[in-house]
Amino acid sequence: AGITEITLVTAEGSHTLVFAEPELSYVRLAAPDGQNTVKVDLVEGQMYTIFDSISGHRALGMEATITVGPPVDQAK
């Protein structure tokens, strides 16, 4: 939970990463060309759906769910 940096990396082809949730509609990552890193504030206990918005990619299974746990203590 908290501010989390997300980076989209692809080994082949072009891909995007967007969130289904309206509050994160500003996130639109693209790789290999385009903005590929963003910081988002994820809420503990929430589930978020991310997917590739390129036509046909989501239907091919390029979708995932993020379940947010408690913040990690970076000092450890």
C-alpha atoms as a PDB file:
ATOM      1  CA  ALA A   1       0.000   0.000   0.000  1.00  0.00           C
ATOM      2  CA  GLY A   2       1.037   3.570  -0.532  1.00  0.00           C
ATOM      3  CA  ILE A   3       2.988   5.232  -3.306  1.00  0.00           C
ATOM      4  CA  THR A   4       4.216   2.536  -5.678  1.00  0.00           C
ATOM      5  CA  GLU A   5       6.304   2.916  -8.825  1.00  0.00           C
ATOM      6  CA  ILE A   6       5.170   0.801 -11.771  1.00  0.00           C
ATOM      7  CA  THR A   7       7.417   0.212 -14.794  1.00  0.00           C
ATOM      8  CA  LEU A   8       6.226  -1.486 -17.971  1.00  0.00           C
ATOM      9  CA  VAL A   9       8.920  -3.543 -19.697  1.00  0.00           C
ATOM     10  CA  THR A  10       8.466  -5.665 -22.805  1.00  0.00           C
ATOM     11  CA  ALA A  11      10.845  -8.151 -24.385  1.00  0.00           C
ATOM     12  CA  GLU A  12       9.033  -8.104 -27.719  1.00  0.00           C
ATOM     13  CA  GLY A  13       6.342  -6.105 -29.477  1.00  0.00           C
ATOM     14  CA  SER A  14       4.416  -3.063 -28.305  1.00  0.00           C
ATOM     15  CA  HIS A  15       2.285  -3.152 -25.184  1.00  0.00           C
ATOM     16  CA  THR A  16       0.390  -0.783 -22.918  1.00  0.00           C
ATOM     17  CA  LEU A  17      -0.678  -0.889 -19.294  1.00  0.00           C
ATOM     18  CA  VAL A  18      -3.833   0.820 -18.050  1.00  0.00           C
ATOM     19  CA  PHE A  19      -6.054   0.448 -14.989  1.00  0.00           C
ATOM     20  CA  ALA A  20      -9.762  -0.380 -15.229  1.00  0.00           C
ATOM     21  CA  GLU A  21     -10.487   1.777 -12.168  1.00  0.00           C
ATOM     22  CA  PRO A  22     -11.606   5.351 -13.018  1.00  0.00           C
ATOM     23  CA  GLU A  23      -9.488   6.914 -10.254  1.00  0.00           C
ATOM     24  CA  LEU A  24      -6.376   5.641 -12.050  1.00  0.00           C
ATOM     25  CA  SER A  25      -7.494   6.559 -15.576  1.00  0.00           C
ATOM     26  CA  TYR A  26      -4.500   8.923 -15.864  1.00  0.00           C
ATOM     27  CA  VAL A  27      -2.173   5.881 -16.028  1.00  0.00           C
ATOM     28  CA  ARG A  28      -1.330   4.931 -19.601  1.00  0.00           C
ATOM     29  CA  LEU A  29       2.049   3.283 -19.942  1.00  0.00           C
ATOM     30  CA  ALA A  30       3.504   2.182 -23.281  1.00  0.00           C
ATOM     31  CA  ALA A  31       6.561   0.110 -24.134  1.00  0.00           C
ATOM     32  CA  PRO A  32       8.923   0.103 -25.847  1.00  0.00           C
ATOM     33  CA  ASP A  33       7.974   3.621 -27.053  1.00  0.00           C
ATOM     34  CA  GLY A  34       6.311   6.052 -24.687  1.00  0.00           C
ATOM     35  CA  GLN A  35       6.067   6.739 -20.990  1.00  0.00           C
ATOM     36  CA  ASN A  36       6.814   3.460 -19.229  1.00  0.00           C
ATOM     37  CA  THR A  37       7.002   4.465 -15.550  1.00  0.00           C
ATOM     38  CA  VAL A  38       4.435   6.028 -13.208  1.00  0.00           C
ATOM     39  CA  LYS A  39       3.887   6.385  -9.470  1.00  0.00           C
ATOM     40  CA  VAL A  40       0.440   5.519  -8.126  1.00  0.00           C
ATOM     41  CA  ASP A  41      -1.074   5.573  -4.638  1.00  0.00           C
ATOM     42  CA  LEU A  42      -2.503   2.100  -4.045  1.00  0.00           C
ATOM     43  CA  VAL A  43      -4.928   1.550  -1.155  1.00  0.00           C
ATOM     44  CA  GLU A  44      -4.463  -1.378   1.244  1.00  0.00           C
ATOM     45  CA  GLY A  45      -7.142  -4.037   0.833  1.00  0.00           C
ATOM     46  CA  GLN A  46      -8.149  -2.838  -2.643  1.00  0.00           C
ATOM     47  CA  MET A  47      -8.012  -4.889  -5.822  1.00  0.00           C
ATOM     48  CA  TYR A  48      -7.081  -3.252  -9.129  1.00  0.00           C
ATOM     49  CA  THR A  49      -7.374  -4.600 -12.663  1.00  0.00           C
ATOM     50  CA  ILE A  50      -4.600  -3.773 -15.126  1.00  0.00           C
ATOM     51  CA  PHE A  51      -4.606  -4.688 -18.802  1.00  0.00           C
ATOM     52  CA  ASP A  52      -3.058  -4.074 -22.215  1.00  0.00           C
ATOM     53  CA  SER A  53      -5.363  -1.675 -24.084  1.00  0.00           C
ATOM     54  CA  ILE A  54      -4.033  -2.455 -27.578  1.00  0.00           C
ATOM     55  CA  SER A  55      -6.858  -3.925 -29.639  1.00  0.00           C
ATOM     56  CA  GLY A  56      -7.127  -7.684 -29.061  1.00  0.00           C
ATOM     57  CA  HIS A  57      -4.417  -7.906 -26.384  1.00  0.00           C
ATOM     58  CA  ARG A  58      -6.756  -8.059 -23.379  1.00  0.00           C
ATOM     59  CA  ALA A  59      -8.775 -10.815 -25.090  1.00  0.00           C
ATOM     60  CA  LEU A  60      -5.510 -12.758 -25.447  1.00  0.00           C
ATOM     61  CA  GLY A  61      -5.101 -12.733 -21.669  1.00  0.00           C
ATOM     62  CA  MET A  62      -2.982  -9.642 -21.137  1.00  0.00           C
ATOM     63  CA  GLU A  63      -4.805  -8.733 -17.939  1.00  0.00           C
ATOM     64  CA  ALA A  64      -3.996  -9.088 -14.251  1.00  0.00           C
ATOM     65  CA  THR A  65      -5.382  -8.271 -10.826  1.00  0.00           C
ATOM     66  CA  ILE A  66      -3.321  -6.499  -8.181  1.00  0.00           C
ATOM     67  CA  THR A  67      -4.340  -7.138  -4.568  1.00  0.00           C
ATOM     68  CA  VAL A  68      -2.763  -4.578  -2.262  1.00  0.00           C
ATOM     69  CA  GLY A  69      -1.348  -5.640   1.086  1.00  0.00           C
ATOM     70  CA  PRO A  70       0.029  -3.507   3.915  1.00  0.00           C
ATOM     71  CA  PRO A  71       2.922  -1.114   3.284  1.00  0.00           C
ATOM     72  CA  VAL A  72       6.406  -2.632   3.359  1.00  0.00           C
ATOM     73  CA  ASP A  73       8.855  -1.137   5.855  1.00  0.00           C
ATOM     74  CA  GLN A  74      11.751  -0.070   3.629  1.00  0.00           C
ATOM     75  CA  ALA A  75      14.042   0.378   6.662  1.00  0.00           C
ATOM     76  CA  LYS A  76      14.392  -3.388   7.212  1.00  0.00           C
END
